[in-house]
Amino acid sequence: MQAAIKTRYGITAELKEAAGGVFFVDIDGKRVWDNLVTYRFPEDAEVFAEIDRLKT
């Protein structure tokens, strides 16, 4: 995911270590993905859509 974001947008995503398989995606302080809600890891395209939505 980090490499895909770097390739597509030229930005380096910050990774923060967590425990228990927890995975969040926050963009500018706004949570756009939470695997405790979705029970799965996001596809790159799902995260890209949220980045694009917040950029406009």
N, C-alpha and C. Protein backbone atom coordinates (compact mmCIF):
# COMPACT_ATOMS: atom_id res chain seq x y z
N MET A 1 0.84 -1.19 0.00
CA MET A 1 0.00 0.00 0.00
C MET A 1 0.88 1.25 0.00
N GLN A 2 1.89 1.28 0.86
CA GLN A 2 2.74 2.45 0.93
C GLN A 2 3.43 2.71 -0.42
N ALA A 3 3.94 1.65 -1.05
CA ALA A 3 4.60 1.79 -2.35
C ALA A 3 3.62 2.24 -3.43
N ALA A 4 2.41 1.73 -3.39
CA ALA A 4 1.40 2.11 -4.38
C ALA A 4 1.04 3.58 -4.26
N ILE A 5 0.94 4.09 -3.05
CA ILE A 5 0.63 5.51 -2.84
C ILE A 5 1.80 6.36 -3.34
N LYS A 6 3.02 5.93 -3.05
CA LYS A 6 4.21 6.66 -3.50
C LYS A 6 4.26 6.70 -5.03
N THR A 7 3.98 5.57 -5.66
CA THR A 7 4.02 5.49 -7.13
C THR A 7 2.96 6.38 -7.76
N ARG A 8 1.75 6.33 -7.23
CA ARG A 8 0.64 7.07 -7.86
C ARG A 8 0.65 8.56 -7.55
N TYR A 9 0.98 8.93 -6.31
CA TYR A 9 0.85 10.33 -5.88
C TYR A 9 2.17 11.02 -5.59
N GLY A 10 3.26 10.25 -5.52
CA GLY A 10 4.56 10.85 -5.23
C GLY A 10 4.71 11.29 -3.79
N ILE A 11 3.89 10.74 -2.91
CA ILE A 11 3.99 11.06 -1.49
C ILE A 11 4.31 9.79 -0.71
N THR A 12 4.96 9.97 0.41
CA THR A 12 5.31 8.83 1.25
C THR A 12 4.30 8.72 2.38
N ALA A 13 3.60 7.61 2.41
CA ALA A 13 2.62 7.37 3.46
C ALA A 13 3.36 7.03 4.74
N GLU A 14 2.86 7.52 5.86
CA GLU A 14 3.44 7.23 7.16
C GLU A 14 2.80 5.96 7.71
N LEU A 15 3.63 5.03 8.11
CA LEU A 15 3.14 3.80 8.70
C LEU A 15 3.36 3.85 10.21
N LYS A 16 2.33 3.50 10.95
CA LYS A 16 2.42 3.45 12.40
C LYS A 16 2.11 2.03 12.84
N GLU A 17 2.97 1.49 13.66
CA GLU A 17 2.80 0.12 14.11
C GLU A 17 1.62 0.00 15.07
N ALA A 18 0.87 -1.07 14.91
CA ALA A 18 -0.26 -1.37 15.78
C ALA A 18 -0.22 -2.86 16.10
N ALA A 19 -1.12 -3.30 16.92
CA ALA A 19 -1.15 -4.71 17.32
C ALA A 19 -2.46 -5.35 16.90
N GLY A 20 -2.44 -6.67 16.78
CA GLY A 20 -3.68 -7.41 16.54
C GLY A 20 -4.26 -7.27 15.16
N GLY A 21 -3.45 -6.92 14.17
CA GLY A 21 -3.96 -6.82 12.81
C GLY A 21 -4.79 -5.57 12.54
N VAL A 22 -4.73 -4.59 13.42
CA VAL A 22 -5.49 -3.36 13.24
C VAL A 22 -4.88 -2.57 12.09
N PHE A 23 -5.74 -2.04 11.21
CA PHE A 23 -5.28 -1.28 10.07
C PHE A 23 -6.23 -0.12 9.84
N PHE A 24 -5.69 1.09 9.93
CA PHE A 24 -6.46 2.31 9.66
C PHE A 24 -5.78 3.07 8.54
N VAL A 25 -6.57 3.83 7.80
CA VAL A 25 -6.03 4.79 6.85
C VAL A 25 -6.62 6.14 7.23
N ASP A 26 -5.74 7.06 7.60
CA ASP A 26 -6.13 8.42 7.92
C ASP A 26 -5.51 9.34 6.88
N ILE A 27 -6.30 10.29 6.39
CA ILE A 27 -5.81 11.28 5.44
C ILE A 27 -6.09 12.65 6.03
N ASP A 28 -5.02 13.40 6.27
CA ASP A 28 -5.13 14.72 6.89
C ASP A 28 -5.99 14.68 8.14
N GLY A 29 -5.78 13.65 8.96
CA GLY A 29 -6.49 13.54 10.23
C GLY A 29 -7.89 12.96 10.14
N LYS A 30 -8.34 12.62 8.94
CA LYS A 30 -9.68 12.06 8.76
C LYS A 30 -9.56 10.56 8.48
N ARG A 31 -10.23 9.75 9.27
CA ARG A 31 -10.18 8.30 9.07
C ARG A 31 -11.05 7.92 7.89
N VAL A 32 -10.43 7.30 6.88
CA VAL A 32 -11.16 6.90 5.67
C VAL A 32 -11.24 5.39 5.52
N TRP A 33 -10.48 4.65 6.34
CA TRP A 33 -10.58 3.19 6.31
C TRP A 33 -10.28 2.65 7.70
N ASP A 34 -11.09 1.70 8.12
CA ASP A 34 -10.93 1.08 9.44
C ASP A 34 -11.29 -0.39 9.31
N ASN A 35 -10.29 -1.27 9.43
CA ASN A 35 -10.60 -2.68 9.24
C ASN A 35 -11.36 -3.28 10.43
N LEU A 36 -11.48 -2.54 11.51
CA LEU A 36 -12.35 -2.99 12.60
C LEU A 36 -13.82 -2.83 12.22
N VAL A 37 -14.09 -2.01 11.22
CA VAL A 37 -15.44 -1.81 10.69
C VAL A 37 -15.68 -2.72 9.47
N THR A 38 -14.69 -2.76 8.57
CA THR A 38 -14.86 -3.49 7.32
C THR A 38 -14.45 -4.96 7.41
N TYR A 39 -13.64 -5.29 8.41
CA TYR A 39 -13.13 -6.66 8.62
C TYR A 39 -12.27 -7.16 7.45
N ARG A 40 -11.62 -6.22 6.75
CA ARG A 40 -10.73 -6.62 5.66
C ARG A 40 -9.74 -5.50 5.37
N PHE A 41 -8.69 -5.87 4.66
CA PHE A 41 -7.68 -4.92 4.20
C PHE A 41 -8.21 -4.26 2.94
N PRO A 42 -7.98 -2.94 2.76
CA PRO A 42 -8.51 -2.27 1.56
C PRO A 42 -7.72 -2.61 0.31
N GLU A 43 -8.38 -2.59 -0.81
CA GLU A 43 -7.72 -2.65 -2.11
C GLU A 43 -7.10 -1.28 -2.37
N ASP A 44 -6.00 -1.25 -3.11
CA ASP A 44 -5.36 0.04 -3.41
C ASP A 44 -6.36 1.03 -4.00
N ALA A 45 -7.20 0.57 -4.92
CA ALA A 45 -8.16 1.46 -5.58
C ALA A 45 -9.12 2.11 -4.59
N GLU A 46 -9.46 1.42 -3.52
CA GLU A 46 -10.36 1.99 -2.51
C GLU A 46 -9.70 3.14 -1.77
N VAL A 47 -8.43 2.98 -1.45
CA VAL A 47 -7.70 4.05 -0.78
C VAL A 47 -7.46 5.20 -1.76
N PHE A 48 -7.11 4.88 -3.01
CA PHE A 48 -6.92 5.93 -4.02
C PHE A 48 -8.19 6.76 -4.19
N ALA A 49 -9.33 6.13 -4.19
CA ALA A 49 -10.60 6.85 -4.34
C ALA A 49 -10.80 7.83 -3.19
N GLU A 50 -10.43 7.43 -1.99
CA GLU A 50 -10.58 8.34 -0.84
C GLU A 50 -9.59 9.50 -0.93
N ILE A 51 -8.36 9.21 -1.35
CA ILE A 51 -7.38 10.29 -1.53
C ILE A 51 -7.89 11.27 -2.58
N ASP A 52 -8.34 10.75 -3.72
CA ASP A 52 -8.85 11.60 -4.80
C ASP A 52 -10.04 12.43 -4.34
N ARG A 53 -10.94 11.82 -3.59
CA ARG A 53 -12.13 12.51 -3.11
C ARG A 53 -11.75 13.68 -2.19
N LEU A 54 -10.76 13.47 -1.34
CA LEU A 54 -10.36 14.51 -0.40
C LEU A 54 -9.50 15.59 -1.05
N LYS A 55 -8.91 15.28 -2.19
CA LYS A 55 -8.08 16.26 -2.90
C LYS A 55 -8.91 17.29 -3.64
N THR A 56 -10.17 16.99 -3.91
CA THR A 56 -10.99 17.91 -4.71
C THR A 56 -11.70 18.91 -3.85
